[in-house]
Amino acid sequence: MLHFISENIGNIIVCVILLVIVGLALRGILVNKKKGKCSCGCDCEGCPSASICHKDR
């Protein structure tokens, strides 16, 4: 097991960093969704799809 880790330490570090980045991105999306913010990251003013995204408004 130690031999596998020592041979692949670079790949393991890159995978861990990518998992952290994806996890933080998903966390941000979920927090914004709970706050009722738009998921696309822009304001709905002037957006042609605003009526599709927010039917309840």
C-alpha atoms as a PDB file:
ATOM      1  CA  MET A   1       0.000   0.000   0.000  1.00  0.00           C
ATOM      2  CA  LEU A   2       2.816   2.395   0.825  1.00  0.00           C
ATOM      3  CA  HIS A   3       4.444   1.584  -2.501  1.00  0.00           C
ATOM      4  CA  PHE A   4       1.244   2.502  -4.383  1.00  0.00           C
ATOM      5  CA  ILE A   5       0.927   5.803  -2.511  1.00  0.00           C
ATOM      6  CA  SER A   6       4.553   6.751  -3.080  1.00  0.00           C
ATOM      7  CA  GLU A   7       4.298   6.046  -6.815  1.00  0.00           C
ATOM      8  CA  ASN A   8       1.032   7.978  -7.250  1.00  0.00           C
ATOM      9  CA  ILE A   9       1.381  10.841  -4.762  1.00  0.00           C
ATOM     10  CA  GLY A  10       1.112  13.477  -7.507  1.00  0.00           C
ATOM     11  CA  ASN A  11      -2.126  12.031  -8.856  1.00  0.00           C
ATOM     12  CA  ILE A  12      -3.543  11.678  -5.363  1.00  0.00           C
ATOM     13  CA  ILE A  13      -2.799  15.311  -4.506  1.00  0.00           C
ATOM     14  CA  VAL A  14      -4.356  16.582  -7.752  1.00  0.00           C
ATOM     15  CA  CYS A  15      -7.485  14.462  -7.201  1.00  0.00           C
ATOM     16  CA  VAL A  16      -7.870  15.715  -3.632  1.00  0.00           C
ATOM     17  CA  ILE A  17      -7.513  19.342  -4.759  1.00  0.00           C
ATOM     18  CA  LEU A  18     -10.106  18.821  -7.512  1.00  0.00           C
ATOM     19  CA  LEU A  19     -12.532  17.185  -5.072  1.00  0.00           C
ATOM     20  CA  VAL A  20     -12.177  20.128  -2.691  1.00  0.00           C
ATOM     21  CA  ILE A  21     -12.821  22.631  -5.493  1.00  0.00           C
ATOM     22  CA  VAL A  22     -15.900  20.740  -6.724  1.00  0.00           C
ATOM     23  CA  GLY A  23     -17.182  20.398  -3.159  1.00  0.00           C
ATOM     24  CA  LEU A  24     -16.820  24.125  -2.512  1.00  0.00           C
ATOM     25  CA  ALA A  25     -18.580  24.943  -5.783  1.00  0.00           C
ATOM     26  CA  LEU A  26     -21.501  22.667  -4.939  1.00  0.00           C
ATOM     27  CA  ARG A  27     -21.683  24.116  -1.437  1.00  0.00           C
ATOM     28  CA  GLY A  28     -21.862  27.631  -2.898  1.00  0.00           C
ATOM     29  CA  ILE A  29     -24.637  26.636  -5.283  1.00  0.00           C
ATOM     30  CA  LEU A  30     -26.662  25.033  -2.487  1.00  0.00           C
ATOM     31  CA  VAL A  31     -26.211  28.015  -0.152  1.00  0.00           C
ATOM     32  CA  ASN A  32     -27.349  30.401  -2.884  1.00  0.00           C
ATOM     33  CA  LYS A  33     -30.338  28.203  -3.683  1.00  0.00           C
ATOM     34  CA  LYS A  34     -31.402  28.157  -0.027  1.00  0.00           C
ATOM     35  CA  LYS A  35     -31.139  31.953   0.064  1.00  0.00           C
ATOM     36  CA  GLY A  36     -33.354  32.165  -3.032  1.00  0.00           C
ATOM     37  CA  LYS A  37     -30.675  33.621  -5.258  1.00  0.00           C
ATOM     38  CA  CYS A  38     -30.436  32.920  -8.961  1.00  0.00           C
ATOM     39  CA  SER A  39     -28.309  29.905  -9.836  1.00  0.00           C
ATOM     40  CA  CYS A  40     -26.874  31.394 -13.026  1.00  0.00           C
ATOM     41  CA  GLY A  41     -24.925  34.062 -11.159  1.00  0.00           C
ATOM     42  CA  CYS A  42     -26.490  37.071 -12.833  1.00  0.00           C
ATOM     43  CA  ASP A  43     -29.322  39.377 -11.983  1.00  0.00           C
ATOM     44  CA  CYS A  44     -32.749  38.626 -13.448  1.00  0.00           C
ATOM     45  CA  GLU A  45     -33.243  42.213 -14.624  1.00  0.00           C
ATOM     46  CA  GLY A  46     -33.338  42.171 -18.407  1.00  0.00           C
ATOM     47  CA  CYS A  47     -32.929  38.402 -18.654  1.00  0.00           C
ATOM     48  CA  PRO A  48     -35.138  36.952 -21.402  1.00  0.00           C
ATOM     49  CA  SER A  49     -35.580  33.720 -19.435  1.00  0.00           C
ATOM     50  CA  ALA A  50     -36.619  35.338 -16.136  1.00  0.00           C
ATOM     51  CA  SER A  51     -40.233  34.225 -16.532  1.00  0.00           C
ATOM     52  CA  ILE A  52     -39.099  30.624 -17.054  1.00  0.00           C
ATOM     53  CA  CYS A  53     -36.720  30.546 -14.085  1.00  0.00           C
ATOM     54  CA  HIS A  54     -38.980  32.250 -11.573  1.00  0.00           C
ATOM     55  CA  LYS A  55     -42.581  31.388 -12.348  1.00  0.00           C
ATOM     56  CA  ASP A  56     -43.676  32.130  -8.766  1.00  0.00           C
ATOM     57  CA  ARG A  57     -42.558  35.784  -8.887  1.00  0.00           C
END
